[in-house]
Protein backbone atom coordinates (compact mmCIF):
# COMPACT_ATOMS: atom_id res chain seq x y z
CA MET A 1 -5.19 -29.50 2.56
CA ALA A 2 -7.72 -31.23 4.79
CA ASN A 3 -11.51 -31.12 4.79
CA THR A 4 -12.33 -32.33 8.27
CA LYS A 5 -16.11 -32.02 7.90
CA GLY A 6 -16.28 -34.46 5.01
CA GLY A 7 -13.35 -36.55 6.13
CA ASN A 8 -11.37 -35.77 2.98
CA PHE A 9 -7.64 -35.52 3.31
CA ILE A 10 -5.40 -34.35 0.47
CA LEU A 11 -1.66 -34.01 0.80
CA PHE A 12 0.65 -33.41 -2.14
CA LEU A 13 4.17 -34.74 -1.64
CA PRO A 14 6.15 -33.24 -4.54
CA PRO A 15 8.93 -35.42 -5.95
CA ASN A 16 11.48 -32.63 -6.10
CA GLU A 17 11.29 -31.72 -2.43
CA GLU A 18 13.89 -33.15 -0.09
CA TYR A 19 12.50 -36.40 1.33
CA ASN A 20 12.84 -35.34 4.96
CA TYR A 21 10.41 -32.46 4.36
CA ARG A 22 7.90 -34.85 2.75
CA LEU A 23 8.36 -37.33 5.56
CA GLN A 24 7.78 -34.77 8.32
CA GLU A 25 4.78 -33.24 6.51
CA LEU A 26 3.10 -36.65 6.19
CA ILE A 27 3.81 -37.56 9.83
CA GLN A 28 2.38 -34.24 11.04
CA ARG A 29 -0.82 -34.77 9.03
CA LEU A 30 -1.20 -38.30 10.39
CA LYS A 31 -0.70 -37.00 13.95
CA LEU A 32 -3.36 -34.34 13.34
CA LEU A 33 -5.88 -36.95 12.17
CA ARG A 34 -5.07 -39.26 15.06
CA TYR A 35 -5.58 -36.58 17.69
CA LYS A 36 -8.56 -34.89 16.04
CA TYR A 37 -10.82 -37.96 15.86
CA ASN A 38 -11.75 -40.29 18.71
CA LYS A 39 -12.74 -43.04 16.30
CA LEU A 40 -10.77 -43.23 13.08
CA THR A 41 -10.86 -45.67 10.20
CA LEU A 42 -8.43 -44.57 7.52
CA VAL A 43 -7.12 -45.93 4.25
CA LEU A 44 -4.59 -43.63 2.58
CA PHE A 45 -2.77 -44.74 -0.51
CA GLY A 46 -0.96 -43.30 -3.44
CA ASP A 47 2.41 -42.11 -4.68
CA PHE A 48 4.34 -41.00 -1.62
CA ASN A 49 7.43 -40.06 -3.67
CA MET A 50 9.62 -41.83 -1.12
CA ASN A 51 11.82 -44.81 -1.85
CA ARG A 52 11.64 -48.11 -0.02
CA ASP A 53 14.58 -47.30 2.26
CA VAL A 54 12.85 -44.20 3.64
CA ILE A 55 9.57 -46.10 4.07
CA GLU A 56 11.15 -49.08 5.82
CA ASN A 57 13.66 -47.27 8.01
CA LYS A 58 11.96 -43.99 8.87
CA LEU A 59 8.26 -43.61 8.05
CA SER A 60 7.05 -47.04 9.18
CA LYS A 61 8.75 -46.74 12.57
CA GLU A 62 7.38 -43.26 13.26
CA ILE A 63 3.79 -43.94 12.24
CA GLU A 64 3.58 -47.32 13.97
CA ILE A 65 4.12 -45.46 17.26
CA LEU A 66 0.90 -43.56 16.44
CA GLY A 67 -0.97 -46.81 15.74
CA TYR A 68 -0.88 -46.66 11.92
CA LYS A 69 0.17 -49.53 9.70
CA ILE A 70 1.93 -49.30 6.38
CA TRP A 71 1.30 -51.93 3.72
CA TYR A 72 3.60 -52.70 0.82
CA SER A 73 5.23 -55.66 -0.80
CA ARG A 74 8.51 -56.65 0.81
CA ASN A 75 9.46 -58.45 -2.40
CA LYS A 76 12.39 -56.46 -3.79
CA ASN A 77 11.47 -57.55 -7.34
CA GLU A 78 7.98 -56.02 -7.26
CA TYR A 79 7.51 -52.41 -8.31
CA THR A 80 4.70 -49.89 -8.69
CA ARG A 81 6.27 -47.47 -11.17
CA GLU A 82 7.99 -48.08 -14.49
CA GLN A 83 9.49 -45.18 -16.40
CA GLU A 84 12.07 -44.57 -19.09
CA VAL A 85 15.15 -42.72 -17.86
CA ASN A 86 18.06 -42.05 -20.22
CA GLY A 87 16.82 -44.71 -22.64
CA LYS A 88 16.53 -47.40 -19.95
CA ILE A 89 13.51 -48.69 -18.04
CA LYS A 90 13.67 -47.79 -14.36
CA LYS A 91 11.45 -49.70 -11.95
CA SER A 92 10.74 -48.31 -8.49
CA TYR A 93 8.33 -48.78 -5.60
CA LEU A 94 6.70 -45.44 -4.78
CA ASP A 95 3.07 -46.37 -4.03
CA TYR A 96 2.13 -47.35 -0.51
CA MET A 97 -0.91 -47.80 1.68
CA ILE A 98 -1.30 -46.48 5.25
CA THR A 99 -4.20 -47.61 7.44
CA TYR A 100 -5.56 -46.93 10.87
CA GLY A 101 -8.24 -49.05 12.53
CA ILE A 102 -7.90 -51.80 9.91
CA ASP A 103 -5.88 -54.84 10.82
CA ASN A 104 -6.82 -57.45 8.30
CA LEU A 105 -6.51 -56.75 4.61
CA CYS A 106 -4.64 -57.94 1.59
CA PHE A 107 -3.55 -56.03 -1.46
CA ILE A 108 -2.17 -56.76 -4.89
CA ILE A 109 -0.21 -54.70 -7.37
CA LEU A 110 -2.15 -54.44 -10.63
CA ASP A 111 -0.99 -53.89 -14.19
CA LYS A 112 0.13 -50.45 -15.28
CA LEU A 113 -2.67 -47.90 -15.41
CA VAL A 114 -3.49 -46.34 -18.77
CA ILE A 115 -2.95 -42.66 -17.91
CA THR A 116 0.19 -42.92 -15.78
CA ASP A 117 3.49 -44.74 -15.43
CA HIS A 118 2.31 -46.20 -12.10
CA ARG A 119 0.70 -49.54 -11.47
CA GLY A 120 -2.48 -49.67 -9.39
CA LEU A 121 -2.98 -51.04 -5.88
CA SER A 122 -6.09 -53.07 -5.11
CA ILE A 123 -7.20 -53.83 -1.57
CA GLU A 124 -9.55 -56.38 -0.09
CA PHE A 125 -10.81 -55.97 3.45
CA LEU A 126 -10.80 -59.31 5.24
CA ASP A 127 -12.60 -58.10 8.37
CA ASP A 128 -16.33 -57.87 7.58
CA LYS A 129 -17.01 -55.34 10.36
CA LYS A 130 -14.47 -52.87 8.97
CA LYS A 131 -15.63 -53.45 5.42
CA ASN A 132 -19.24 -52.69 6.36
CA LEU A 133 -18.22 -49.64 8.40
CA ILE A 134 -16.34 -48.21 5.45
CA GLU A 135 -19.15 -48.95 3.01
CA LEU A 136 -21.71 -47.22 5.25
CA LYS A 137 -19.72 -43.96 5.20
CA LYS A 138 -19.92 -43.57 1.40
């Protein structure tokens, strides 16, 4: 679902769908945004329900061609989701950040959020022009 007048963009990527469907749906939405707007500043983050291998080897390559950047920790020991599976704690990295028109930022993985089994992502814009542009659009 997309609300192009207000700039809102909502896409649900269900965990039980085959990853290739989720991957293609996300890429198509990013292409639509890229071609619909002449000037685009975008920060999209959340649970993409795709593992690191899919992100590194498929999604990042396809969206970088369109000018997007994907941000995540390359540290294999960091994770954004912790859940109990068959009596054991499973740690995985499912939360990512995609940007367009923003080149200089940093992010950190926060502690686990209260209402979910995911940890939060916090971003800091290091380019003052982009930060001000984003703040003005609120």
